[in-house]
């Protein structure tokens, strides 16, 4: 009798462990597939810029830098500051 109950316990424990490992695997897969945000893309671009200080490299880095949304960021910062003050 005790042997049967121990066997059932071990089977249940193994099933719980398999389910837990499956959940962990799914969560890892979902984290890896998460799309990159604009901020992450901008950080990657900054990290790929040349460390050289010659004029050609600086001009190349400057031409590849996207400053199109800079004004929008400043407006967002102003709005956040106004909300914090009031």
N, C-alpha and C. Protein backbone atom coordinates (compact mmCIF):
# COMPACT_ATOMS: atom_id res chain seq x y z
N UNK A 1 0.82 -1.19 0.00
CA UNK A 1 0.00 0.00 0.00
C UNK A 1 0.87 1.26 0.00
N UNK A 2 1.87 1.26 0.83
CA UNK A 2 2.74 2.41 0.91
C UNK A 2 3.54 2.57 -0.39
N UNK A 3 3.88 1.47 -1.04
CA UNK A 3 4.61 1.50 -2.30
C UNK A 3 3.78 2.16 -3.40
N UNK A 4 2.48 1.87 -3.44
CA UNK A 4 1.59 2.46 -4.44
C UNK A 4 1.46 3.96 -4.22
N UNK A 5 1.32 4.39 -2.98
CA UNK A 5 1.16 5.81 -2.69
C UNK A 5 2.45 6.56 -3.01
N UNK A 6 3.59 5.98 -2.75
CA UNK A 6 4.87 6.62 -3.07
C UNK A 6 5.03 6.72 -4.60
N UNK A 7 4.61 5.69 -5.30
CA UNK A 7 4.69 5.68 -6.76
C UNK A 7 3.81 6.78 -7.35
N UNK A 8 2.60 6.93 -6.83
CA UNK A 8 1.69 8.00 -7.29
C UNK A 8 2.28 9.38 -7.01
N UNK A 9 2.89 9.51 -5.85
CA UNK A 9 3.51 10.79 -5.49
C UNK A 9 4.64 11.14 -6.47
N UNK A 10 5.48 10.17 -6.79
CA UNK A 10 6.59 10.41 -7.71
C UNK A 10 6.09 10.74 -9.12
N UNK A 11 5.04 10.07 -9.55
CA UNK A 11 4.47 10.36 -10.87
C UNK A 11 3.90 11.78 -10.90
N UNK A 12 3.20 12.15 -9.85
CA UNK A 12 2.64 13.50 -9.75
C UNK A 12 3.75 14.55 -9.71
N UNK A 13 4.78 14.29 -8.94
CA UNK A 13 5.90 15.21 -8.84
C UNK A 13 6.59 15.38 -10.20
N UNK A 14 6.78 14.28 -10.91
CA UNK A 14 7.40 14.35 -12.24
C UNK A 14 6.53 15.15 -13.20
N UNK A 15 5.22 14.96 -13.15
CA UNK A 15 4.31 15.69 -14.03
C UNK A 15 4.36 17.19 -13.73
N UNK A 16 4.40 17.54 -12.46
CA UNK A 16 4.47 18.96 -12.08
C UNK A 16 5.78 19.57 -12.56
N UNK A 17 6.86 18.83 -12.44
CA UNK A 17 8.16 19.34 -12.89
C UNK A 17 8.19 19.53 -14.41
N UNK A 18 7.59 18.62 -15.15
CA UNK A 18 7.54 18.75 -16.61
C UNK A 18 6.73 19.98 -17.00
N UNK A 19 5.61 20.19 -16.35
CA UNK A 19 4.77 21.36 -16.65
C UNK A 19 5.53 22.64 -16.30
N UNK A 20 6.20 22.67 -15.16
CA UNK A 20 6.95 23.86 -14.76
C UNK A 20 8.07 24.17 -15.75
N UNK A 21 8.77 23.15 -16.19
CA UNK A 21 9.85 23.36 -17.16
C UNK A 21 9.29 23.83 -18.50
N UNK A 22 8.13 23.34 -18.88
CA UNK A 22 7.50 23.79 -20.11
C UNK A 22 7.11 25.26 -20.04
N UNK A 23 6.58 25.67 -18.91
CA UNK A 23 6.21 27.08 -18.73
C UNK A 23 7.45 27.96 -18.78
N UNK A 24 8.52 27.53 -18.14
CA UNK A 24 9.76 28.31 -18.17
C UNK A 24 10.30 28.42 -19.60
N UNK A 25 10.24 27.34 -20.35
CA UNK A 25 10.73 27.36 -21.73
C UNK A 25 9.90 28.32 -22.58
N UNK A 26 8.59 28.30 -22.41
CA UNK A 26 7.73 29.21 -23.18
C UNK A 26 8.01 30.67 -22.83
N UNK A 27 8.21 30.95 -21.55
CA UNK A 27 8.48 32.34 -21.17
C UNK A 27 9.81 32.82 -21.73
N UNK A 28 10.81 31.95 -21.78
CA UNK A 28 12.09 32.33 -22.37
C UNK A 28 11.96 32.60 -23.86
N UNK A 29 11.20 31.78 -24.54
CA UNK A 29 11.01 31.96 -25.98
C UNK A 29 10.30 33.29 -26.25
N UNK A 30 9.30 33.62 -25.44
CA UNK A 30 8.56 34.87 -25.64
C UNK A 30 9.45 36.08 -25.37
N UNK A 31 10.34 35.99 -24.39
CA UNK A 31 11.24 37.10 -24.12
C UNK A 31 12.20 37.33 -25.28
N UNK A 32 12.65 36.27 -25.89
CA UNK A 32 13.58 36.39 -27.01
C UNK A 32 12.91 36.98 -28.24
N UNK A 33 11.62 36.75 -28.40
CA UNK A 33 10.90 37.22 -29.57
C UNK A 33 10.35 38.63 -29.39
N UNK A 34 10.54 39.22 -28.23
CA UNK A 34 10.00 40.55 -27.97
C UNK A 34 10.61 41.55 -28.95
N UNK A 35 9.78 42.36 -29.60
CA UNK A 35 10.30 43.33 -30.57
C UNK A 35 11.13 44.40 -29.86
N UNK A 36 12.11 44.90 -30.57
CA UNK A 36 12.96 45.93 -30.01
C UNK A 36 12.25 47.27 -30.09
N UNK A 37 12.39 48.05 -29.06
CA UNK A 37 11.78 49.37 -29.05
C UNK A 37 12.66 50.34 -29.84
N UNK A 38 12.12 51.51 -30.12
CA UNK A 38 12.89 52.53 -30.83
C UNK A 38 14.13 52.92 -30.03
N UNK A 39 13.98 52.95 -28.71
CA UNK A 39 15.10 53.31 -27.86
C UNK A 39 16.23 52.29 -28.00
N UNK A 40 15.89 51.00 -28.01
CA UNK A 40 16.90 49.96 -28.18
C UNK A 40 17.61 50.08 -29.52
N UNK A 41 16.85 50.40 -30.56
CA UNK A 41 17.45 50.55 -31.88
C UNK A 41 18.40 51.74 -31.91
N UNK A 42 18.02 52.82 -31.24
CA UNK A 42 18.88 54.00 -31.21
C UNK A 42 20.16 53.72 -30.43
N UNK A 43 20.04 52.98 -29.35
CA UNK A 43 21.22 52.63 -28.56
C UNK A 43 22.17 51.76 -29.38
N UNK A 44 21.62 50.81 -30.12
CA UNK A 44 22.46 49.96 -30.97
C UNK A 44 23.18 50.80 -32.02
N UNK A 45 22.49 51.78 -32.57
CA UNK A 45 23.10 52.63 -33.59
C UNK A 45 24.24 53.44 -32.98
N UNK A 46 24.07 53.94 -31.78
CA UNK A 46 25.12 54.71 -31.13
C UNK A 46 26.33 53.82 -30.86
N UNK A 47 26.07 52.59 -30.47
CA UNK A 47 27.16 51.67 -30.17
C UNK A 47 27.93 51.24 -31.41
N UNK A 48 27.32 51.36 -32.58
CA UNK A 48 28.00 50.96 -33.81
C UNK A 48 28.74 52.12 -34.46
N UNK A 49 28.68 53.29 -33.87
CA UNK A 49 29.39 54.42 -34.44
C UNK A 49 30.89 54.24 -34.25
N UNK A 50 31.63 54.82 -35.15
CA UNK A 50 33.08 54.70 -35.15
C UNK A 50 33.67 55.44 -33.96
N UNK A 51 34.77 54.92 -33.45
CA UNK A 51 35.47 55.60 -32.36
C UNK A 51 36.58 56.49 -32.90
N UNK A 52 36.74 56.50 -34.19
CA UNK A 52 37.78 57.30 -34.84
C UNK A 52 37.42 58.78 -34.77
N UNK A 53 38.44 59.62 -34.73
CA UNK A 53 38.20 61.06 -34.67
C UNK A 53 38.56 61.76 -35.97
N UNK A 54 38.84 60.99 -37.02
CA UNK A 54 39.14 61.66 -38.29
C UNK A 54 37.85 62.21 -38.89
N UNK A 55 37.99 63.20 -39.72
CA UNK A 55 36.84 63.95 -40.24
C UNK A 55 35.89 63.07 -41.04
N UNK A 56 36.40 62.17 -41.84
CA UNK A 56 35.53 61.31 -42.65
C UNK A 56 34.64 60.44 -41.77
N UNK A 57 35.22 59.87 -40.73
CA UNK A 57 34.43 59.02 -39.83
C UNK A 57 33.37 59.83 -39.10
N UNK A 58 33.74 61.02 -38.66
CA UNK A 58 32.78 61.88 -37.96
C UNK A 58 31.64 62.29 -38.87
N UNK A 59 31.96 62.63 -40.11
CA UNK A 59 30.90 63.00 -41.06
C UNK A 59 29.98 61.83 -41.36
N UNK A 60 30.56 60.65 -41.48
CA UNK A 60 29.76 59.45 -41.74
C UNK A 60 28.81 59.18 -40.56
N UNK A 61 29.35 59.27 -39.33
CA UNK A 61 28.51 59.05 -38.15
C UNK A 61 27.41 60.10 -38.06
N UNK A 62 27.75 61.33 -38.37
CA UNK A 62 26.77 62.41 -38.31
C UNK A 62 25.66 62.22 -39.34
N UNK A 63 26.03 61.78 -40.53
CA UNK A 63 25.01 61.59 -41.56
C UNK A 63 24.11 60.39 -41.25
N UNK A 64 24.61 59.43 -40.50
CA UNK A 64 23.80 58.26 -40.15
C UNK A 64 22.94 58.50 -38.91
N UNK A 65 23.20 59.58 -38.19
CA UNK A 65 22.44 59.87 -36.98
C UNK A 65 21.08 60.45 -37.35
N UNK A 66 20.03 59.89 -36.76
CA UNK A 66 18.67 60.34 -37.05
C UNK A 66 18.24 61.35 -36.00
N UNK A 67 18.11 62.59 -36.42
CA UNK A 67 17.71 63.66 -35.51
C UNK A 67 16.29 64.14 -35.80
N UNK A 68 15.54 63.39 -36.58
CA UNK A 68 14.23 63.83 -37.02
C UNK A 68 13.22 63.95 -35.89
N UNK A 69 13.34 63.13 -34.86
CA UNK A 69 12.35 63.18 -33.78
C UNK A 69 12.86 63.91 -32.54
N UNK A 70 13.92 64.67 -32.70
CA UNK A 70 14.50 65.38 -31.57
C UNK A 70 13.53 66.42 -31.01
N UNK A 71 12.87 67.17 -31.88
CA UNK A 71 11.91 68.17 -31.42
C UNK A 71 10.75 67.54 -30.67
N UNK A 72 10.29 66.40 -31.14
CA UNK A 72 9.19 65.71 -30.47
C UNK A 72 9.61 65.29 -29.06
N UNK A 73 10.84 64.81 -28.92
CA UNK A 73 11.33 64.41 -27.60
C UNK A 73 11.36 65.62 -26.66
N UNK A 74 11.81 66.76 -27.16
CA UNK A 74 11.86 67.95 -26.33
C UNK A 74 10.46 68.38 -25.91
N UNK A 75 9.49 68.27 -26.79
CA UNK A 75 8.11 68.60 -26.44
C UNK A 75 7.60 67.64 -25.36
N UNK A 76 7.93 66.37 -25.49
CA UNK A 76 7.51 65.40 -24.47
C UNK A 76 8.14 65.71 -23.12
N UNK A 77 9.39 66.11 -23.13
CA UNK A 77 10.06 66.46 -21.87
C UNK A 77 9.41 67.68 -21.25
N UNK A 78 9.10 68.69 -22.07
CA UNK A 78 8.43 69.88 -21.57
C UNK A 78 7.07 69.53 -20.95
N UNK A 79 6.32 68.68 -21.59
CA UNK A 79 5.01 68.28 -21.07
C UNK A 79 5.16 67.55 -19.73
N UNK A 80 6.14 66.67 -19.64
CA UNK A 80 6.35 65.94 -18.39
C UNK A 80 6.77 66.88 -17.27
N UNK A 81 7.60 67.87 -17.59
CA UNK A 81 8.01 68.83 -16.58
C UNK A 81 6.83 69.69 -16.12
N UNK A 82 5.98 70.09 -17.04
CA UNK A 82 4.81 70.88 -16.68
C UNK A 82 3.87 70.07 -15.78
N UNK A 83 3.71 68.80 -16.07
CA UNK A 83 2.85 67.95 -15.25
C UNK A 83 3.44 67.77 -13.86
N UNK A 84 4.75 67.71 -13.77
CA UNK A 84 5.40 67.51 -12.48
C UNK A 84 5.29 68.76 -11.61
N UNK A 85 5.30 69.93 -12.25
CA UNK A 85 5.24 71.18 -11.51
C UNK A 85 3.84 71.44 -10.99
N UNK A 86 2.82 71.12 -11.78
CA UNK A 86 1.44 71.43 -11.39
C UNK A 86 0.83 70.30 -10.69
